[in-house]
Amino acid sequence: MNSTAIAPELQELIDRQKIHDCIVRYCSGVDRFDREMVRGVYHFDAMDDHGAFVGPVEAFIDWAFAYHSKYQHTHKHYVLNHRCELDGNTAHTETYWIFSGKNQIGPGLTLSGGRYIDRFEKRDGRWAIAARKCVIEWNGALGEFPMPQEALDAFAATGIASRDKNDPSYERPLCVTRSSTVLPF
């Protein structure tokens, strides 16, 4: 056996992990308005159908960033169940998602959920989305939930979330420099 060969079972696990990582990077990239990160999860000729938008990657990124800038102060994409069917250099995936948005107008917080139905392709050793349908299955709004100011201050002390590379998730190396603190509940 060639010492550089990878067992098929191990290669399958590697491929599945790279596909899942790609989906998670999509969420982080859209939430941080990180154009390079979002672009990196798609192949250059990919098409995205998000219901209100259907088109190529660059136009999708422009649309998504403009939409979230206009309607939300902040937003998050969460991924849940994930199913992946590998077929050589093609994979068909279904990934459940939940979206939360703290709105600029209208209800304070909206939630929606659905599934990303993706066709991934492995080209030149790189897994990326070739086609995506974002199936939106439900949405709703929540009322405001008051939080004590000292709790809000403590949350903010870990770092201020931002929709760019100033967000704490880009901090390298990540360090905790604050003194130990415990708030009573």
N, C-alpha and C. Protein backbone atom coordinates (compact mmCIF):
# COMPACT_ATOMS: atom_id res chain seq x y z
N MET A 1 0.83 -1.19 0.00
CA MET A 1 0.00 0.00 0.00
C MET A 1 0.88 1.25 0.00
N ASN A 2 0.54 2.20 -0.81
CA ASN A 2 1.26 3.47 -0.87
C ASN A 2 1.08 4.22 0.44
N SER A 3 2.17 4.73 1.01
CA SER A 3 2.11 5.39 2.32
C SER A 3 1.32 6.70 2.27
N THR A 4 1.08 7.26 1.09
CA THR A 4 0.32 8.51 0.99
C THR A 4 -1.16 8.28 0.70
N ALA A 5 -1.56 7.03 0.48
CA ALA A 5 -2.96 6.74 0.19
C ALA A 5 -3.79 6.86 1.46
N ILE A 6 -5.01 7.36 1.31
CA ILE A 6 -5.93 7.50 2.43
C ILE A 6 -7.03 6.46 2.25
N ALA A 7 -7.34 5.77 3.30
CA ALA A 7 -8.41 4.77 3.25
C ALA A 7 -9.71 5.45 2.82
N PRO A 8 -10.52 4.80 1.99
CA PRO A 8 -11.77 5.40 1.50
C PRO A 8 -12.69 5.89 2.62
N GLU A 9 -12.75 5.14 3.72
CA GLU A 9 -13.61 5.56 4.84
C GLU A 9 -13.12 6.86 5.45
N LEU A 10 -11.80 6.99 5.58
CA LEU A 10 -11.23 8.22 6.12
C LEU A 10 -11.45 9.39 5.16
N GLN A 11 -11.29 9.15 3.87
CA GLN A 11 -11.52 10.21 2.88
C GLN A 11 -12.97 10.69 2.93
N GLU A 12 -13.89 9.73 3.13
CA GLU A 12 -15.30 10.12 3.23
C GLU A 12 -15.53 11.02 4.44
N LEU A 13 -14.92 10.71 5.57
CA LEU A 13 -15.05 11.55 6.76
C LEU A 13 -14.45 12.93 6.53
N ILE A 14 -13.31 12.98 5.87
CA ILE A 14 -12.66 14.26 5.55
C ILE A 14 -13.56 15.08 4.64
N ASP A 15 -14.11 14.46 3.62
CA ASP A 15 -15.00 15.18 2.69
C ASP A 15 -16.23 15.71 3.41
N ARG A 16 -16.85 14.89 4.23
CA ARG A 16 -18.04 15.32 4.97
C ARG A 16 -17.72 16.51 5.88
N GLN A 17 -16.57 16.45 6.54
CA GLN A 17 -16.20 17.55 7.44
C GLN A 17 -15.93 18.83 6.66
N LYS A 18 -15.27 18.72 5.52
CA LYS A 18 -15.02 19.92 4.71
C LYS A 18 -16.32 20.54 4.22
N ILE A 19 -17.29 19.72 3.87
CA ILE A 19 -18.60 20.22 3.43
C ILE A 19 -19.31 20.92 4.59
N HIS A 20 -19.31 20.29 5.75
CA HIS A 20 -19.96 20.90 6.92
C HIS A 20 -19.27 22.20 7.31
N ASP A 21 -17.94 22.22 7.30
CA ASP A 21 -17.19 23.45 7.60
C ASP A 21 -17.59 24.56 6.64
N CYS A 22 -17.80 24.23 5.40
CA CYS A 22 -18.19 25.20 4.38
C CYS A 22 -19.54 25.84 4.74
N ILE A 23 -20.48 25.03 5.17
CA ILE A 23 -21.80 25.54 5.56
C ILE A 23 -21.69 26.46 6.76
N VAL A 24 -20.88 26.10 7.74
CA VAL A 24 -20.70 26.94 8.92
C VAL A 24 -19.99 28.25 8.55
N ARG A 25 -19.00 28.19 7.65
CA ARG A 25 -18.33 29.42 7.21
C ARG A 25 -19.30 30.35 6.50
N TYR A 26 -20.24 29.80 5.76
CA TYR A 26 -21.27 30.63 5.11
C TYR A 26 -21.99 31.47 6.17
N CYS A 27 -22.43 30.80 7.25
CA CYS A 27 -23.17 31.52 8.30
C CYS A 27 -22.32 32.62 8.91
N SER A 28 -21.09 32.31 9.27
CA SER A 28 -20.20 33.32 9.85
C SER A 28 -19.94 34.45 8.87
N GLY A 29 -19.71 34.11 7.62
CA GLY A 29 -19.41 35.13 6.61
C GLY A 29 -20.56 36.10 6.40
N VAL A 30 -21.79 35.59 6.33
CA VAL A 30 -22.94 36.49 6.15
C VAL A 30 -23.15 37.32 7.40
N ASP A 31 -23.02 36.72 8.58
CA ASP A 31 -23.23 37.45 9.82
C ASP A 31 -22.17 38.53 10.05
N ARG A 32 -20.97 38.32 9.56
CA ARG A 32 -19.87 39.28 9.76
C ARG A 32 -19.69 40.20 8.55
N PHE A 33 -20.53 40.07 7.53
CA PHE A 33 -20.36 40.81 6.28
C PHE A 33 -18.95 40.62 5.72
N ASP A 34 -18.47 39.39 5.77
CA ASP A 34 -17.12 39.06 5.29
C ASP A 34 -17.26 38.48 3.88
N ARG A 35 -17.11 39.37 2.91
CA ARG A 35 -17.31 39.02 1.50
C ARG A 35 -16.41 37.87 1.06
N GLU A 36 -15.14 37.89 1.46
CA GLU A 36 -14.22 36.83 1.03
C GLU A 36 -14.63 35.48 1.60
N MET A 37 -15.10 35.48 2.86
CA MET A 37 -15.51 34.22 3.47
C MET A 37 -16.73 33.65 2.75
N VAL A 38 -17.72 34.50 2.47
CA VAL A 38 -18.92 34.02 1.78
C VAL A 38 -18.56 33.56 0.37
N ARG A 39 -17.78 34.34 -0.34
CA ARG A 39 -17.38 33.97 -1.70
C ARG A 39 -16.66 32.63 -1.69
N GLY A 40 -15.87 32.36 -0.65
CA GLY A 40 -15.09 31.13 -0.58
C GLY A 40 -15.90 29.87 -0.39
N VAL A 41 -17.17 29.98 0.00
CA VAL A 41 -17.97 28.76 0.17
C VAL A 41 -18.67 28.34 -1.11
N TYR A 42 -18.63 29.19 -2.12
CA TYR A 42 -19.27 28.92 -3.41
C TYR A 42 -18.21 28.72 -4.48
N HIS A 43 -18.54 27.94 -5.49
CA HIS A 43 -17.74 27.95 -6.72
C HIS A 43 -18.10 29.22 -7.48
N PHE A 44 -17.19 29.70 -8.31
CA PHE A 44 -17.37 30.98 -8.99
C PHE A 44 -18.63 31.03 -9.85
N ASP A 45 -19.08 29.88 -10.35
CA ASP A 45 -20.23 29.85 -11.25
C ASP A 45 -21.50 29.34 -10.57
N ALA A 46 -21.50 29.33 -9.24
CA ALA A 46 -22.65 28.83 -8.49
C ALA A 46 -23.86 29.73 -8.65
N MET A 47 -25.02 29.13 -8.45
CA MET A 47 -26.29 29.88 -8.44
C MET A 47 -26.95 29.68 -7.08
N ASP A 48 -27.58 30.76 -6.59
CA ASP A 48 -28.25 30.72 -5.30
C ASP A 48 -29.69 31.18 -5.47
N ASP A 49 -30.62 30.41 -4.93
CA ASP A 49 -32.05 30.75 -4.95
C ASP A 49 -32.47 30.93 -3.50
N HIS A 50 -32.60 32.19 -3.07
CA HIS A 50 -33.01 32.52 -1.71
C HIS A 50 -34.45 33.03 -1.68
N GLY A 51 -35.25 32.68 -2.65
CA GLY A 51 -36.64 33.11 -2.70
C GLY A 51 -36.77 34.51 -3.26
N ALA A 52 -36.42 35.51 -2.46
CA ALA A 52 -36.48 36.91 -2.90
C ALA A 52 -35.32 37.26 -3.83
N PHE A 53 -34.34 36.39 -3.90
CA PHE A 53 -33.17 36.58 -4.78
C PHE A 53 -32.86 35.26 -5.46
N VAL A 54 -32.61 35.32 -6.76
CA VAL A 54 -32.10 34.18 -7.51
C VAL A 54 -31.01 34.73 -8.43
N GLY A 55 -29.80 34.17 -8.35
CA GLY A 55 -28.74 34.64 -9.23
C GLY A 55 -27.38 34.12 -8.84
N PRO A 56 -26.34 34.71 -9.46
CA PRO A 56 -24.96 34.26 -9.22
C PRO A 56 -24.40 34.78 -7.89
N VAL A 57 -23.29 34.23 -7.50
CA VAL A 57 -22.69 34.47 -6.19
C VAL A 57 -22.43 35.93 -5.88
N GLU A 58 -21.72 36.65 -6.73
CA GLU A 58 -21.39 38.05 -6.43
C GLU A 58 -22.64 38.89 -6.22
N ALA A 59 -23.64 38.69 -7.06
CA ALA A 59 -24.89 39.44 -6.91
C ALA A 59 -25.61 39.02 -5.64
N PHE A 60 -25.54 37.73 -5.28
CA PHE A 60 -26.17 37.27 -4.04
C PHE A 60 -25.52 37.94 -2.84
N ILE A 61 -24.20 38.00 -2.80
CA ILE A 61 -23.51 38.62 -1.67
C ILE A 61 -23.93 40.08 -1.55
N ASP A 62 -23.96 40.81 -2.67
CA ASP A 62 -24.41 42.21 -2.64
C ASP A 62 -25.81 42.31 -2.07
N TRP A 63 -26.72 41.45 -2.56
CA TRP A 63 -28.10 41.48 -2.12
C TRP A 63 -28.22 41.16 -0.63
N ALA A 64 -27.56 40.09 -0.17
CA ALA A 64 -27.67 39.66 1.22
C ALA A 64 -27.13 40.72 2.17
N PHE A 65 -25.97 41.30 1.86
CA PHE A 65 -25.39 42.31 2.74
C PHE A 65 -26.27 43.56 2.77
N ALA A 66 -26.80 43.97 1.62
CA ALA A 66 -27.68 45.15 1.58
C ALA A 66 -28.97 44.89 2.36
N TYR A 67 -29.53 43.70 2.20
CA TYR A 67 -30.77 43.35 2.90
C TYR A 67 -30.56 43.41 4.41
N HIS A 68 -29.53 42.73 4.90
CA HIS A 68 -29.29 42.68 6.35
C HIS A 68 -28.89 44.05 6.90
N SER A 69 -28.17 44.85 6.13
CA SER A 69 -27.82 46.21 6.56
C SER A 69 -29.06 47.08 6.70
N LYS A 70 -29.98 46.92 5.78
CA LYS A 70 -31.18 47.76 5.76
C LYS A 70 -32.17 47.37 6.86
N TYR A 71 -32.33 46.07 7.12
CA TYR A 71 -33.41 45.63 7.98
C TYR A 71 -33.01 45.20 9.39
N GLN A 72 -31.75 44.87 9.64
CA GLN A 72 -31.36 44.42 10.98
C GLN A 72 -30.19 45.21 11.55
N HIS A 73 -30.26 45.41 12.87
CA HIS A 73 -29.09 45.95 13.60
C HIS A 73 -28.03 44.86 13.70
N THR A 74 -28.50 43.64 13.93
CA THR A 74 -27.63 42.47 14.00
C THR A 74 -28.46 41.25 13.63
N HIS A 75 -27.79 40.20 13.22
CA HIS A 75 -28.49 38.99 12.82
C HIS A 75 -27.54 37.79 12.96
N LYS A 76 -28.14 36.62 13.09
CA LYS A 76 -27.34 35.39 13.21
C LYS A 76 -28.02 34.27 12.44
N HIS A 77 -27.19 33.46 11.81
CA HIS A 77 -27.62 32.24 11.12
C HIS A 77 -27.10 31.05 11.93
N TYR A 78 -27.98 30.12 12.26
CA TYR A 78 -27.61 28.94 13.02
C TYR A 78 -27.92 27.71 12.18
N VAL A 79 -27.03 26.74 12.17
CA VAL A 79 -27.30 25.50 11.45
C VAL A 79 -27.47 24.36 12.45
N LEU A 80 -28.34 23.43 12.08
CA LEU A 80 -28.74 22.35 12.97
C LEU A 80 -28.51 21.01 12.30
N ASN A 81 -29.55 20.24 12.07
CA ASN A 81 -29.43 18.92 11.44
C ASN A 81 -28.77 19.07 10.06
N HIS A 82 -27.94 18.10 9.76
CA HIS A 82 -27.22 18.14 8.48
C HIS A 82 -27.16 16.73 7.92
N ARG A 83 -27.57 16.60 6.68
CA ARG A 83 -27.52 15.30 5.98
C ARG A 83 -26.71 15.49 4.71
N CYS A 84 -25.83 14.55 4.45
CA CYS A 84 -24.92 14.67 3.30
C CYS A 84 -24.85 13.33 2.58
N GLU A 85 -25.17 13.35 1.28
CA GLU A 85 -25.05 12.16 0.44
C GLU A 85 -23.90 12.39 -0.54
N LEU A 86 -22.83 11.65 -0.34
CA LEU A 86 -21.67 11.77 -1.21
C LEU A 86 -21.84 10.86 -2.43
N ASP A 87 -21.46 11.40 -3.58
CA ASP A 87 -21.51 10.65 -4.84
C ASP A 87 -20.29 11.07 -5.66
N GLY A 88 -19.14 10.49 -5.33
CA GLY A 88 -17.90 10.87 -6.00
C GLY A 88 -17.52 12.30 -5.65
N ASN A 89 -17.38 13.14 -6.68
CA ASN A 89 -17.01 14.54 -6.48
C ASN A 89 -18.23 15.46 -6.40
N THR A 90 -19.39 14.87 -6.13
CA THR A 90 -20.63 15.62 -5.94
C THR A 90 -21.22 15.20 -4.61
N ALA A 91 -21.82 16.15 -3.91
CA ALA A 91 -22.53 15.85 -2.67
C ALA A 91 -23.84 16.60 -2.66
N HIS A 92 -24.86 15.94 -2.16
CA HIS A 92 -26.18 16.55 -2.02
C HIS A 92 -26.46 16.66 -0.53
N THR A 93 -26.72 17.89 -0.06
CA THR A 93 -26.89 18.11 1.36
C THR A 93 -28.21 18.80 1.66
N GLU A 94 -28.68 18.56 2.86
CA GLU A 94 -29.84 19.25 3.42
C GLU A 94 -29.43 19.67 4.82
N THR A 95 -29.50 20.97 5.09
CA THR A 95 -29.08 21.49 6.38
C THR A 95 -30.19 22.38 6.93
N TYR A 96 -30.71 22.04 8.10
CA TYR A 96 -31.73 22.85 8.75
C TYR A 96 -31.06 24.11 9.30
N TRP A 97 -31.79 25.23 9.25
CA TRP A 97 -31.26 26.48 9.77
C TRP A 97 -32.34 27.25 10.53
N ILE A 98 -31.86 28.10 11.46
CA ILE A 98 -32.69 29.10 12.14
C ILE A 98 -31.99 30.43 11.97
N PHE A 99 -32.77 31.45 11.69
CA PHE A 99 -32.26 32.82 11.54
C PHE A 99 -32.90 33.68 12.61
N SER A 100 -32.11 34.53 13.25
CA SER A 100 -32.64 35.54 14.16
C SER A 100 -32.13 36.90 13.72
N GLY A 101 -33.01 37.87 13.76
CA GLY A 101 -32.64 39.23 13.39
C GLY A 101 -33.21 40.24 14.36
N LYS A 102 -32.34 41.09 14.91
CA LYS A 102 -32.77 42.21 15.74
C LYS A 102 -33.03 43.36 14.77
N ASN A 103 -34.29 43.72 14.62
CA ASN A 103 -34.73 44.58 13.52
C ASN A 103 -34.57 46.07 13.78
N GLN A 104 -34.38 46.79 12.68
CA GLN A 104 -34.33 48.25 12.74
C GLN A 104 -35.73 48.85 12.74
N ILE A 105 -36.67 48.18 12.09
CA ILE A 105 -38.07 48.62 12.07
C ILE A 105 -38.96 47.40 12.30
N GLY A 106 -40.16 47.64 12.76
CA GLY A 106 -41.08 46.54 12.97
C GLY A 106 -40.83 45.85 14.29
N PRO A 107 -41.15 44.56 14.38
CA PRO A 107 -40.94 43.84 15.64
C PRO A 107 -39.47 43.83 16.03
N GLY A 108 -39.23 43.81 17.35
CA GLY A 108 -37.85 43.87 17.83
C GLY A 108 -36.99 42.72 17.36
N LEU A 109 -37.58 41.53 17.32
CA LEU A 109 -36.80 40.34 16.96
C LEU A 109 -37.65 39.43 16.09
N THR A 110 -37.08 39.02 14.98
CA THR A 110 -37.75 38.03 14.14
C THR A 110 -36.94 36.75 14.12
N LEU A 111 -37.65 35.66 13.96
CA LEU A 111 -37.04 34.34 13.82
C LEU A 111 -37.63 33.70 12.59
N SER A 112 -36.81 32.95 11.88
CA SER A 112 -37.32 32.15 10.77
C SER A 112 -36.49 30.88 10.70
N GLY A 113 -37.03 29.91 10.00
CA GLY A 113 -36.34 28.64 9.89
C GLY A 113 -36.63 27.98 8.57
N GLY A 114 -35.76 27.08 8.22
CA GLY A 114 -35.92 26.36 6.97
C GLY A 114 -34.75 25.44 6.74
N ARG A 115 -34.45 25.24 5.44
CA ARG A 115 -33.37 24.32 5.08
C ARG A 115 -32.58 24.89 3.91
N TYR A 116 -31.27 24.63 3.93
CA TYR A 116 -30.42 24.86 2.77
C TYR A 116 -30.35 23.52 2.04
N ILE A 117 -30.77 23.51 0.80
CA ILE A 117 -30.64 22.34 -0.05
C ILE A 117 -29.49 22.67 -1.01
N ASP A 118 -28.38 21.97 -0.87
CA ASP A 118 -27.17 22.31 -1.62
C ASP A 118 -26.68 21.16 -2.48
N ARG A 119 -26.11 21.54 -3.62
CA ARG A 119 -25.29 20.61 -4.40
C ARG A 119 -23.86 21.11 -4.28
N PHE A 120 -23.03 20.33 -3.66
CA PHE A 120 -21.60 20.63 -3.55
C PHE A 120 -20.87 19.89 -4.65
N GLU A 121 -19.79 20.49 -5.10
CA GLU A 121 -18.89 19.82 -6.03
C GLU A 121 -17.46 19.98 -5.52
N LYS A 122 -16.69 18.92 -5.71
CA LYS A 122 -15.27 18.95 -5.37
C LYS A 122 -14.52 19.20 -6.66
N ARG A 123 -13.94 20.39 -6.77
CA ARG A 123 -13.17 20.77 -7.95
C ARG A 123 -11.75 21.10 -7.51
N ASP A 124 -10.79 20.50 -8.17
CA ASP A 124 -9.38 20.70 -7.82
C ASP A 124 -9.15 20.51 -6.32
N GLY A 125 -9.81 19.51 -5.74
CA GLY A 125 -9.63 19.17 -4.34
C GLY A 125 -10.40 20.04 -3.37
N ARG A 126 -11.22 20.98 -3.84
CA ARG A 126 -11.93 21.93 -2.98
C ARG A 126 -13.44 21.72 -3.08
N TRP A 127 -14.06 21.43 -1.93
CA TRP A 127 -15.51 21.33 -1.86
C TRP A 127 -16.11 22.73 -1.74
N ALA A 128 -17.12 23.02 -2.55
CA ALA A 128 -17.83 24.30 -2.46
C ALA A 128 -19.23 24.13 -3.05
N ILE A 129 -20.09 25.08 -2.76
CA ILE A 129 -21.46 25.03 -3.23
C ILE A 129 -21.50 25.36 -4.72
N ALA A 130 -22.18 24.51 -5.49
CA ALA A 130 -22.41 24.75 -6.92
C ALA A 130 -23.83 25.26 -7.15
N ALA A 131 -24.76 24.84 -6.30
CA ALA A 131 -26.15 25.29 -6.41
C ALA A 131 -26.78 25.23 -5.03
N ARG A 132 -27.58 26.26 -4.70
CA ARG A 132 -28.25 26.31 -3.40
C ARG A 132 -29.68 26.76 -3.57
N LYS A 133 -30.58 26.10 -2.84
CA LYS A 133 -31.94 26.57 -2.65
C LYS A 133 -32.13 26.77 -1.16
N CYS A 134 -32.52 27.96 -0.77
CA CYS A 134 -32.82 28.27 0.62
C CYS A 134 -34.33 28.16 0.78
N VAL A 135 -34.78 27.09 1.41
CA VAL A 135 -36.20 26.85 1.60
C VAL A 135 -36.61 27.46 2.94
N ILE A 136 -37.46 28.48 2.89
CA ILE A 136 -37.92 29.15 4.11
C ILE A 136 -39.26 28.53 4.48
N GLU A 137 -39.33 27.93 5.67
CA GLU A 137 -40.51 27.18 6.07
C GLU A 137 -41.37 27.86 7.11
N TRP A 138 -40.82 28.75 7.91
CA TRP A 138 -41.62 29.44 8.91
C TRP A 138 -40.92 30.73 9.33
N ASN A 139 -41.68 31.66 9.88
CA ASN A 139 -41.11 32.87 10.47
C ASN A 139 -42.10 33.45 11.47
N GLY A 140 -41.58 34.28 12.37
CA GLY A 140 -42.41 34.90 13.39
C GLY A 140 -41.62 35.97 14.10
N ALA A 141 -42.28 36.64 15.02
CA ALA A 141 -41.66 37.74 15.75
C ALA A 141 -41.81 37.51 17.24
N LEU A 142 -40.85 38.01 18.00
CA LEU A 142 -40.89 37.95 19.46
C LEU A 142 -40.97 39.37 20.00
N GLY A 143 -41.58 39.50 21.17
CA GLY A 143 -41.62 40.80 21.83
C GLY A 143 -40.30 41.10 22.52
N GLU A 144 -40.20 42.28 23.04
CA GLU A 144 -38.99 42.68 23.75
C GLU A 144 -38.94 41.99 25.11
N PHE A 145 -37.76 41.60 25.52
CA PHE A 145 -37.54 40.98 26.81
C PHE A 145 -36.54 41.85 27.56
N PRO A 146 -37.00 42.57 28.59
CA PRO A 146 -36.09 43.50 29.28
C PRO A 146 -34.98 42.76 30.03
N MET A 147 -33.78 43.29 29.93
CA MET A 147 -32.61 42.73 30.63
C MET A 147 -32.08 43.80 31.58
N PRO A 148 -31.65 43.40 32.78
CA PRO A 148 -31.05 44.38 33.69
C PRO A 148 -29.79 44.98 33.08
N GLN A 149 -29.55 46.25 33.33
CA GLN A 149 -28.39 46.93 32.75
C GLN A 149 -27.08 46.27 33.14
N GLU A 150 -26.96 45.79 34.39
CA GLU A 150 -25.69 45.16 34.79
C GLU A 150 -25.45 43.87 34.00
N ALA A 151 -26.49 43.16 33.64
CA ALA A 151 -26.32 41.97 32.80
C ALA A 151 -25.89 42.37 31.40
N LEU A 152 -26.51 43.40 30.83
CA LEU A 152 -26.12 43.88 29.51
C LEU A 152 -24.66 44.35 29.50
N ASP A 153 -24.25 45.05 30.56
CA ASP A 153 -22.86 45.51 30.67
C ASP A 153 -21.90 44.33 30.75
N ALA A 154 -22.27 43.30 31.50
CA ALA A 154 -21.41 42.12 31.62
C ALA A 154 -21.29 41.39 30.30
N PHE A 155 -22.39 41.28 29.57
CA PHE A 155 -22.34 40.64 28.25
C PHE A 155 -21.43 41.42 27.32
N ALA A 156 -21.54 42.75 27.34
CA ALA A 156 -20.74 43.59 26.45
C ALA A 156 -19.26 43.54 26.79
N ALA A 157 -18.93 43.24 28.04
CA ALA A 157 -17.53 43.23 28.47
C ALA A 157 -16.72 42.13 27.79
N THR A 158 -17.37 41.10 27.27
CA THR A 158 -16.63 40.03 26.59
C THR A 158 -16.15 40.46 25.21
N GLY A 159 -16.67 41.58 24.74
CA GLY A 159 -16.32 42.09 23.41
C GLY A 159 -17.57 42.53 22.71
N ILE A 160 -17.46 43.56 21.96
CA ILE A 160 -18.60 44.10 21.25
C ILE A 160 -18.73 43.39 19.91
N ALA A 161 -19.89 42.77 19.70
CA ALA A 161 -20.14 42.11 18.42
C ALA A 161 -20.20 43.16 17.32
N SER A 162 -19.60 42.85 16.19
CA SER A 162 -19.67 43.76 15.05
C SER A 162 -19.80 42.95 13.78
N ARG A 163 -20.29 43.61 12.76
CA ARG A 163 -20.53 42.93 11.48
C ARG A 163 -19.35 43.10 10.55
N ASP A 164 -18.16 42.97 11.09
CA ASP A 164 -16.95 43.10 10.28
C ASP A 164 -15.81 42.39 11.01
N LYS A 165 -14.59 42.63 10.57
CA LYS A 165 -13.45 41.92 11.14
C LYS A 165 -13.01 42.48 12.49
N ASN A 166 -13.74 43.46 13.05
CA ASN A 166 -13.50 43.91 14.42
C ASN A 166 -14.21 43.02 15.43
N ASP A 167 -15.02 42.08 14.97
CA ASP A 167 -15.74 41.16 15.84
C ASP A 167 -14.73 40.29 16.60
N PRO A 168 -15.03 39.95 17.87
CA PRO A 168 -14.10 39.12 18.65
C PRO A 168 -13.75 37.77 18.01
N SER A 169 -14.58 37.26 17.11
CA SER A 169 -14.28 35.96 16.48
C SER A 169 -13.04 36.00 15.60
N TYR A 170 -12.58 37.19 15.23
CA TYR A 170 -11.36 37.32 14.42
C TYR A 170 -10.11 37.50 15.28
N GLU A 171 -10.26 37.63 16.59
CA GLU A 171 -9.12 37.87 17.47
C GLU A 171 -8.18 36.67 17.46
N ARG A 172 -6.92 36.90 17.12
CA ARG A 172 -5.90 35.85 17.10
C ARG A 172 -4.66 36.36 17.80
N PRO A 173 -4.13 35.68 18.79
CA PRO A 173 -4.78 34.58 19.47
C PRO A 173 -5.88 35.11 20.40
N LEU A 174 -6.89 34.31 20.64
CA LEU A 174 -7.96 34.69 21.56
C LEU A 174 -7.40 34.66 22.97
N CYS A 175 -7.60 35.75 23.71
CA CYS A 175 -7.10 35.84 25.08
C CYS A 175 -8.22 36.34 25.99
N VAL A 176 -8.24 35.84 27.21
CA VAL A 176 -9.13 36.36 28.25
C VAL A 176 -8.25 37.13 29.21
N THR A 177 -8.47 38.44 29.27
CA THR A 177 -7.60 39.31 30.07
C THR A 177 -8.33 39.95 31.24
N ARG A 178 -9.64 39.77 31.32
CA ARG A 178 -10.40 40.38 32.41
C ARG A 178 -10.25 39.56 33.69
N SER A 179 -10.45 40.21 34.84
CA SER A 179 -10.43 39.53 36.12
C SER A 179 -11.66 38.65 36.27
N SER A 180 -11.55 37.67 37.14
CA SER A 180 -12.69 36.80 37.42
C SER A 180 -13.86 37.62 37.92
N THR A 181 -15.04 37.32 37.40
CA THR A 181 -16.26 38.03 37.76
C THR A 181 -17.41 37.05 37.82
N VAL A 182 -18.26 37.18 38.84
CA VAL A 182 -19.47 36.38 38.93
C VAL A 182 -20.60 37.31 39.34
N LEU A 183 -21.62 37.43 38.49
CA LEU A 183 -22.79 38.23 38.84
C LEU A 183 -23.81 37.37 39.54
N PRO A 184 -24.44 37.88 40.58
CA PRO A 184 -25.52 37.10 41.21
C PRO A 184 -26.75 37.08 40.34
N PHE A 185 -27.46 35.98 40.35
CA PHE A 185 -28.70 35.88 39.58
C PHE A 185 -29.87 36.03 40.50
